[in-house]
């Protein structure tokens, strides 16, 4: 397949989802509820998070939802922080997160850039922590375009972020592919009329992604051989 641009989701696509965010979420819940067992359990239940396993359930809004959705769910159970202070706390915790990559990301993106492919990140996380996490993984400089749910182009499954990429680089939909681990990613690609590639490094299973995907790969590690 020959594409001029490739768009990537972040969590569950570049980085293993449960391994990256499970312990982080457990710590956040403990800090916000100041150790109250009842509030911990209620916040976790509302969020779709298993406190014992430190894993997200498939229906959790945190997996593919925008940051605002996540904040609105946890705020009622937060004893310490509310409103903008809660948002700032979550942002500061996210910025410091060190994620678990699904493969050697610098090597992969070096290969893709060597083919003169424009690369972009479109995520439902916020832009600031996204850039910080990409910098920590030593891959930020590979991307020509990085936007989050707070960048002004909406959030997936709506196609605004993807359409902005097309507009900025004057690309046609058939010249671009979107790679992601959730139905939100693939539905956004369908709405933008670009090629949709599902990967299985997130929480969603193959059967869930297939109705929305033009192609399914196990991991982005397979991209170079598939593109050839």
C-alpha atoms as a PDB file:
ATOM      1  CA  UNK A   1       0.000   0.000   0.000  1.00  0.00           C
ATOM      2  CA  UNK A   2       1.290   3.494  -0.862  1.00  0.00           C
ATOM      3  CA  UNK A   3       0.261   6.308   1.461  1.00  0.00           C
ATOM      4  CA  UNK A   4       1.528   9.873   1.710  1.00  0.00           C
ATOM      5  CA  UNK A   5       0.349  10.213   5.302  1.00  0.00           C
ATOM      6  CA  UNK A   6      -0.185   7.943   8.295  1.00  0.00           C
ATOM      7  CA  UNK A   7      -2.187   8.951  11.359  1.00  0.00           C
ATOM      8  CA  UNK A   8      -1.809   7.121  14.654  1.00  0.00           C
ATOM      9  CA  UNK A   9      -3.811   6.898  17.810  1.00  0.00           C
ATOM     10  CA  UNK A  10      -1.578   6.910  20.907  1.00  0.00           C
ATOM     11  CA  UNK A  11      -2.756   4.715  23.775  1.00  0.00           C
ATOM     12  CA  UNK A  12      -3.214   1.080  22.834  1.00  0.00           C
ATOM     13  CA  UNK A  13      -1.597   1.735  19.459  1.00  0.00           C
ATOM     14  CA  UNK A  14       1.918   3.053  20.132  1.00  0.00           C
ATOM     15  CA  UNK A  15       1.861   1.955  23.759  1.00  0.00           C
ATOM     16  CA  UNK A  16       0.367  -1.065  25.509  1.00  0.00           C
ATOM     17  CA  UNK A  17      -2.778   0.216  27.169  1.00  0.00           C
ATOM     18  CA  UNK A  18      -3.247  -1.809  30.348  1.00  0.00           C
ATOM     19  CA  UNK A  19       0.471  -1.999  31.125  1.00  0.00           C
ATOM     20  CA  UNK A  20       0.873   1.763  30.691  1.00  0.00           C
ATOM     21  CA  UNK A  21      -2.206   3.087  32.472  1.00  0.00           C
ATOM     22  CA  UNK A  22      -3.294   0.445  35.017  1.00  0.00           C
ATOM     23  CA  UNK A  23      -0.911   1.292  37.873  1.00  0.00           C
ATOM     24  CA  UNK A  24      -1.256   5.015  37.076  1.00  0.00           C
ATOM     25  CA  UNK A  25      -5.045   4.879  37.424  1.00  0.00           C
ATOM     26  CA  UNK A  26      -4.818   2.920  40.671  1.00  0.00           C
ATOM     27  CA  UNK A  27      -2.606   5.649  42.137  1.00  0.00           C
ATOM     28  CA  UNK A  28      -4.888   8.440  40.877  1.00  0.00           C
ATOM     29  CA  UNK A  29      -7.960   6.847  42.436  1.00  0.00           C
ATOM     30  CA  UNK A  30      -6.167   6.405  45.770  1.00  0.00           C
ATOM     31  CA  UNK A  31      -4.970  10.005  45.820  1.00  0.00           C
ATOM     32  CA  UNK A  32      -8.299  11.551  44.848  1.00  0.00           C
ATOM     33  CA  UNK A  33     -10.327   9.558  47.371  1.00  0.00           C
ATOM     34  CA  UNK A  34      -7.771  10.008  50.190  1.00  0.00           C
ATOM     35  CA  UNK A  35      -7.942   6.311  51.017  1.00  0.00           C
ATOM     36  CA  UNK A  36     -11.716   6.060  51.475  1.00  0.00           C
ATOM     37  CA  UNK A  37     -12.581   2.460  50.549  1.00  0.00           C
ATOM     38  CA  UNK A  38     -16.165   3.363  49.663  1.00  0.00           C
ATOM     39  CA  UNK A  39     -15.173   6.269  47.400  1.00  0.00           C
ATOM     40  CA  UNK A  40     -12.394   4.219  45.781  1.00  0.00           C
ATOM     41  CA  UNK A  41     -14.852   1.488  44.907  1.00  0.00           C
ATOM     42  CA  UNK A  42     -17.485   3.930  43.620  1.00  0.00           C
ATOM     43  CA  UNK A  43     -15.010   5.855  41.476  1.00  0.00           C
ATOM     44  CA  UNK A  44     -13.560   2.646  40.055  1.00  0.00           C
ATOM     45  CA  UNK A  45     -17.014   1.264  39.275  1.00  0.00           C
ATOM     46  CA  UNK A  46     -18.116   4.473  37.538  1.00  0.00           C
ATOM     47  CA  UNK A  47     -14.904   4.484  35.536  1.00  0.00           C
ATOM     48  CA  UNK A  48     -14.953   0.799  34.599  1.00  0.00           C
ATOM     49  CA  UNK A  49     -11.729  -0.070  36.422  1.00  0.00           C
ATOM     50  CA  UNK A  50     -10.877  -3.253  38.319  1.00  0.00           C
ATOM     51  CA  UNK A  51      -9.067  -2.165  41.502  1.00  0.00           C
ATOM     52  CA  UNK A  52      -7.766  -5.633  42.298  1.00  0.00           C
ATOM     53  CA  UNK A  53      -6.341  -6.405  38.851  1.00  0.00           C
ATOM     54  CA  UNK A  54      -5.495  -2.758  38.097  1.00  0.00           C
ATOM     55  CA  UNK A  55      -7.015  -3.133  34.648  1.00  0.00           C
ATOM     56  CA  UNK A  56      -9.684  -1.335  32.657  1.00  0.00           C
ATOM     57  CA  UNK A  57     -12.897  -3.044  31.659  1.00  0.00           C
ATOM     58  CA  UNK A  58     -13.783  -2.883  27.966  1.00  0.00           C
ATOM     59  CA  UNK A  59     -16.601  -0.414  28.557  1.00  0.00           C
ATOM     60  CA  UNK A  60     -14.414   2.109  30.404  1.00  0.00           C
ATOM     61  CA  UNK A  61     -14.731   5.632  29.006  1.00  0.00           C
ATOM     62  CA  UNK A  62     -11.027   6.083  29.719  1.00  0.00           C
ATOM     63  CA  UNK A  63     -10.082   3.732  26.902  1.00  0.00           C
ATOM     64  CA  UNK A  64     -11.317   5.809  23.977  1.00  0.00           C
ATOM     65  CA  UNK A  65     -13.246   8.730  25.443  1.00  0.00           C
ATOM     66  CA  UNK A  66     -12.059  12.341  25.549  1.00  0.00           C
ATOM     67  CA  UNK A  67     -10.423  13.746  28.677  1.00  0.00           C
ATOM     68  CA  UNK A  68     -13.503  15.785  29.561  1.00  0.00           C
ATOM     69  CA  UNK A  69     -15.654  12.651  29.725  1.00  0.00           C
ATOM     70  CA  UNK A  70     -13.199  10.987  32.084  1.00  0.00           C
ATOM     71  CA  UNK A  71     -13.037  14.044  34.363  1.00  0.00           C
ATOM     72  CA  UNK A  72     -16.813  14.384  34.557  1.00  0.00           C
ATOM     73  CA  UNK A  73     -17.079  10.748  35.686  1.00  0.00           C
ATOM     74  CA  UNK A  74     -14.460  10.874  38.442  1.00  0.00           C
ATOM     75  CA  UNK A  75     -15.181  14.368  39.812  1.00  0.00           C
ATOM     76  CA  UNK A  76     -18.256  13.400  41.911  1.00  0.00           C
ATOM     77  CA  UNK A  77     -16.142  10.873  43.830  1.00  0.00           C
ATOM     78  CA  UNK A  78     -13.063  13.072  44.238  1.00  0.00           C
ATOM     79  CA  UNK A  79     -12.734  14.241  47.842  1.00  0.00           C
ATOM     80  CA  UNK A  80      -9.688  16.438  47.314  1.00  0.00           C
ATOM     81  CA  UNK A  81      -9.975  18.185  43.973  1.00  0.00           C
ATOM     82  CA  UNK A  82     -12.700  19.643  41.766  1.00  0.00           C
ATOM     83  CA  UNK A  83     -13.031  21.588  38.501  1.00  0.00           C
ATOM     84  CA  UNK A  84      -9.909  23.128  36.987  1.00  0.00           C
ATOM     85  CA  UNK A  85      -7.751  22.000  39.913  1.00  0.00           C
ATOM     86  CA  UNK A  86      -8.740  18.398  39.211  1.00  0.00           C
ATOM     87  CA  UNK A  87      -7.972  18.865  35.506  1.00  0.00           C
ATOM     88  CA  UNK A  88      -4.544  20.336  36.330  1.00  0.00           C
ATOM     89  CA  UNK A  89      -3.804  17.438  38.686  1.00  0.00           C
ATOM     90  CA  UNK A  90      -4.661  14.824  36.040  1.00  0.00           C
ATOM     91  CA  UNK A  91      -2.603  16.688  33.423  1.00  0.00           C
ATOM     92  CA  UNK A  92       0.426  16.861  35.720  1.00  0.00           C
ATOM     93  CA  UNK A  93       0.146  13.135  36.490  1.00  0.00           C
ATOM     94  CA  UNK A  94      -0.223  12.289  32.776  1.00  0.00           C
ATOM     95  CA  UNK A  95       2.799  14.368  31.778  1.00  0.00           C
ATOM     96  CA  UNK A  96       4.995  12.292  34.089  1.00  0.00           C
ATOM     97  CA  UNK A  97       3.716   8.930  32.846  1.00  0.00           C
ATOM     98  CA  UNK A  98       6.312   6.626  31.274  1.00  0.00           C
ATOM     99  CA  UNK A  99       4.463   4.301  28.909  1.00  0.00           C
ATOM    100  CA  UNK A 100       5.233   0.783  27.692  1.00  0.00           C
ATOM    101  CA  UNK A 101       5.890   0.809  23.909  1.00  0.00           C
ATOM    102  CA  UNK A 102       4.516  -1.989  21.732  1.00  0.00           C
ATOM    103  CA  UNK A 103       7.786  -2.196  19.787  1.00  0.00           C
ATOM    104  CA  UNK A 104      11.017  -0.264  19.169  1.00  0.00           C
ATOM    105  CA  UNK A 105       9.229   2.970  18.263  1.00  0.00           C
ATOM    106  CA  UNK A 106      12.240   5.086  17.186  1.00  0.00           C
ATOM    107  CA  UNK A 107      13.317   2.311  14.826  1.00  0.00           C
ATOM    108  CA  UNK A 108       9.810   1.944  13.393  1.00  0.00           C
ATOM    109  CA  UNK A 109       9.240   5.644  12.794  1.00  0.00           C
ATOM    110  CA  UNK A 110      12.733   6.064  11.395  1.00  0.00           C
ATOM    111  CA  UNK A 111      11.787   3.470   8.774  1.00  0.00           C
ATOM    112  CA  UNK A 112       8.525   5.245   7.950  1.00  0.00           C
ATOM    113  CA  UNK A 113      10.096   8.711   7.746  1.00  0.00           C
ATOM    114  CA  UNK A 114      12.768   7.363   5.403  1.00  0.00           C
ATOM    115  CA  UNK A 115       9.911   6.741   2.932  1.00  0.00           C
ATOM    116  CA  UNK A 116       8.926  10.433   3.070  1.00  0.00           C
ATOM    117  CA  UNK A 117       5.606   9.642   4.743  1.00  0.00           C
ATOM    118  CA  UNK A 118       3.950  12.409   6.757  1.00  0.00           C
ATOM    119  CA  UNK A 119       3.194  11.191  10.272  1.00  0.00           C
ATOM    120  CA  UNK A 120       0.553  12.397  12.698  1.00  0.00           C
ATOM    121  CA  UNK A 121      -0.878  11.659  16.142  1.00  0.00           C
ATOM    122  CA  UNK A 122      -4.620  12.101  16.738  1.00  0.00           C
ATOM    123  CA  UNK A 123      -5.612  11.220  20.281  1.00  0.00           C
ATOM    124  CA  UNK A 124      -8.462  11.762  22.711  1.00  0.00           C
ATOM    125  CA  UNK A 125      -5.886  12.524  25.377  1.00  0.00           C
ATOM    126  CA  UNK A 126      -4.923  16.192  25.879  1.00  0.00           C
ATOM    127  CA  UNK A 127      -2.176  17.690  23.726  1.00  0.00           C
ATOM    128  CA  UNK A 128       0.297  18.633  26.489  1.00  0.00           C
ATOM    129  CA  UNK A 129       0.657  15.189  28.118  1.00  0.00           C
ATOM    130  CA  UNK A 130       0.624  13.577  24.669  1.00  0.00           C
ATOM    131  CA  UNK A 131       3.668  15.576  23.570  1.00  0.00           C
ATOM    132  CA  UNK A 132       5.397  14.901  26.883  1.00  0.00           C
ATOM    133  CA  UNK A 133       4.840  11.147  26.557  1.00  0.00           C
ATOM    134  CA  UNK A 134       6.057  11.125  22.953  1.00  0.00           C
ATOM    135  CA  UNK A 135       9.143  13.081  24.026  1.00  0.00           C
ATOM    136  CA  UNK A 136       9.820  10.576  26.820  1.00  0.00           C
ATOM    137  CA  UNK A 137       9.597   7.770  24.251  1.00  0.00           C
ATOM    138  CA  UNK A 138      12.069   9.699  22.034  1.00  0.00           C
ATOM    139  CA  UNK A 139       9.664   9.857  19.075  1.00  0.00           C
ATOM    140  CA  UNK A 140       8.091  13.337  19.211  1.00  0.00           C
ATOM    141  CA  UNK A 141      10.342  14.718  16.470  1.00  0.00           C
ATOM    142  CA  UNK A 142       9.161  12.107  13.982  1.00  0.00           C
ATOM    143  CA  UNK A 143       5.656  13.590  13.893  1.00  0.00           C
ATOM    144  CA  UNK A 144       4.566  16.401  11.608  1.00  0.00           C
ATOM    145  CA  UNK A 145       1.202  16.751  13.344  1.00  0.00           C
ATOM    146  CA  UNK A 146       0.172  16.123  16.980  1.00  0.00           C
ATOM    147  CA  UNK A 147      -3.317  16.984  18.230  1.00  0.00           C
ATOM    148  CA  UNK A 148      -5.396  16.028  21.242  1.00  0.00           C
ATOM    149  CA  UNK A 149      -8.999  16.422  22.286  1.00  0.00           C
ATOM    150  CA  UNK A 150      -8.255  19.975  23.486  1.00  0.00           C
ATOM    151  CA  UNK A 151      -6.478  21.167  20.319  1.00  0.00           C
ATOM    152  CA  UNK A 152      -9.605  22.665  18.779  1.00  0.00           C
ATOM    153  CA  UNK A 153     -10.575  20.000  16.236  1.00  0.00           C
ATOM    154  CA  UNK A 154     -12.926  17.882  18.336  1.00  0.00           C
ATOM    155  CA  UNK A 155     -12.392  14.282  19.400  1.00  0.00           C
ATOM    156  CA  UNK A 156     -12.837  10.844  17.894  1.00  0.00           C
ATOM    157  CA  UNK A 157     -15.111   9.212  16.740  1.00  0.00           C
ATOM    158  CA  UNK A 158     -15.791  12.533  15.009  1.00  0.00           C
ATOM    159  CA  UNK A 159     -13.375  13.169  12.118  1.00  0.00           C
ATOM    160  CA  UNK A 160     -12.295  16.766  12.818  1.00  0.00           C
ATOM    161  CA  UNK A 161      -8.714  15.943  13.819  1.00  0.00           C
ATOM    162  CA  UNK A 162      -8.222  13.752  10.752  1.00  0.00           C
ATOM    163  CA  UNK A 163      -9.740  16.279   8.370  1.00  0.00           C
ATOM    164  CA  UNK A 164      -7.423  18.977   9.738  1.00  0.00           C
ATOM    165  CA  UNK A 165      -4.440  16.761   8.858  1.00  0.00           C
ATOM    166  CA  UNK A 166      -5.759  16.420   5.296  1.00  0.00           C
ATOM    167  CA  UNK A 167      -6.279  20.165   5.015  1.00  0.00           C
ATOM    168  CA  UNK A 168      -2.911  21.230   6.435  1.00  0.00           C
ATOM    169  CA  UNK A 169      -0.908  18.953   4.148  1.00  0.00           C
ATOM    170  CA  UNK A 170      -3.264  19.160   1.162  1.00  0.00           C
ATOM    171  CA  UNK A 171      -3.817  15.415   1.054  1.00  0.00           C
ATOM    172  CA  UNK A 172      -6.684  13.412  -0.416  1.00  0.00           C
ATOM    173  CA  UNK A 173      -8.467  10.908   1.849  1.00  0.00           C
ATOM    174  CA  UNK A 174      -7.250   7.944  -0.213  1.00  0.00           C
ATOM    175  CA  UNK A 175      -3.637   9.065   0.378  1.00  0.00           C
ATOM    176  CA  UNK A 176      -3.892   8.632   4.156  1.00  0.00           C
ATOM    177  CA  UNK A 177      -4.416   5.761   6.596  1.00  0.00           C
ATOM    178  CA  UNK A 178      -5.518   5.928  10.231  1.00  0.00           C
ATOM    179  CA  UNK A 179      -4.084   3.319  12.598  1.00  0.00           C
ATOM    180  CA  UNK A 180      -5.795   2.700  15.934  1.00  0.00           C
ATOM    181  CA  UNK A 181      -6.878   0.141  18.506  1.00  0.00           C
ATOM    182  CA  UNK A 182     -10.468   1.266  19.142  1.00  0.00           C
ATOM    183  CA  UNK A 183     -13.714   1.610  17.223  1.00  0.00           C
ATOM    184  CA  UNK A 184     -13.498   5.372  17.903  1.00  0.00           C
ATOM    185  CA  UNK A 185     -10.317   5.514  15.804  1.00  0.00           C
ATOM    186  CA  UNK A 186     -11.728   3.497  12.940  1.00  0.00           C
ATOM    187  CA  UNK A 187     -15.109   5.242  12.908  1.00  0.00           C
ATOM    188  CA  UNK A 188     -13.347   8.598  12.672  1.00  0.00           C
ATOM    189  CA  UNK A 189     -11.389   7.239   9.699  1.00  0.00           C
ATOM    190  CA  UNK A 190     -14.590   6.062   8.025  1.00  0.00           C
ATOM    191  CA  UNK A 191     -16.215   9.465   8.495  1.00  0.00           C
ATOM    192  CA  UNK A 192     -13.142  11.185   7.031  1.00  0.00           C
ATOM    193  CA  UNK A 193     -13.165   8.614   4.201  1.00  0.00           C
ATOM    194  CA  UNK A 194      -9.576   7.584   4.838  1.00  0.00           C
ATOM    195  CA  UNK A 195      -8.183   4.037   5.043  1.00  0.00           C
ATOM    196  CA  UNK A 196      -8.716   2.436   8.466  1.00  0.00           C
ATOM    197  CA  UNK A 197      -6.236   0.029  10.058  1.00  0.00           C
ATOM    198  CA  UNK A 198      -7.065  -1.673  13.355  1.00  0.00           C
ATOM    199  CA  UNK A 199      -4.401  -3.029  15.712  1.00  0.00           C
ATOM    200  CA  UNK A 200      -4.860  -5.523  18.550  1.00  0.00           C
ATOM    201  CA  UNK A 201      -2.581  -3.970  21.192  1.00  0.00           C
ATOM    202  CA  UNK A 202      -5.439  -2.237  22.994  1.00  0.00           C
ATOM    203  CA  UNK A 203      -8.479  -3.614  24.791  1.00  0.00           C
ATOM    204  CA  UNK A 204     -10.794  -4.184  21.806  1.00  0.00           C
ATOM    205  CA  UNK A 205     -10.828  -7.602  20.169  1.00  0.00           C
ATOM    206  CA  UNK A 206     -10.606  -8.326  16.454  1.00  0.00           C
ATOM    207  CA  UNK A 207     -14.340  -9.018  16.139  1.00  0.00           C
ATOM    208  CA  UNK A 208     -15.172  -5.563  17.505  1.00  0.00           C
ATOM    209  CA  UNK A 209     -12.840  -3.769  15.103  1.00  0.00           C
ATOM    210  CA  UNK A 210     -13.556  -5.729  11.922  1.00  0.00           C
ATOM    211  CA  UNK A 211     -16.824  -3.942  10.932  1.00  0.00           C
ATOM    212  CA  UNK A 212     -14.964  -0.618  10.890  1.00  0.00           C
ATOM    213  CA  UNK A 213     -11.546  -1.656   9.569  1.00  0.00           C
ATOM    214  CA  UNK A 214     -10.181  -1.960   6.042  1.00  0.00           C
ATOM    215  CA  UNK A 215      -7.276  -3.938   7.519  1.00  0.00           C
ATOM    216  CA  UNK A 216      -6.432  -5.557  10.862  1.00  0.00           C
ATOM    217  CA  UNK A 217      -2.831  -5.956  12.067  1.00  0.00           C
ATOM    218  CA  UNK A 218      -1.654  -7.530  15.297  1.00  0.00           C
ATOM    219  CA  UNK A 219       0.587  -4.541  16.028  1.00  0.00           C
ATOM    220  CA  UNK A 220       2.086  -1.467  14.349  1.00  0.00           C
ATOM    221  CA  UNK A 221       5.301  -3.491  14.185  1.00  0.00           C
ATOM    222  CA  UNK A 222       3.783  -5.106  11.085  1.00  0.00           C
ATOM    223  CA  UNK A 223       3.292  -1.798   9.270  1.00  0.00           C
ATOM    224  CA  UNK A 224       6.536  -1.667   7.235  1.00  0.00           C
ATOM    225  CA  UNK A 225       6.054  -5.144   5.752  1.00  0.00           C
ATOM    226  CA  UNK A 226       2.351  -4.469   5.079  1.00  0.00           C
ATOM    227  CA  UNK A 227       3.154  -1.181   3.366  1.00  0.00           C
ATOM    228  CA  UNK A 228       5.707  -2.918   1.154  1.00  0.00           C
END
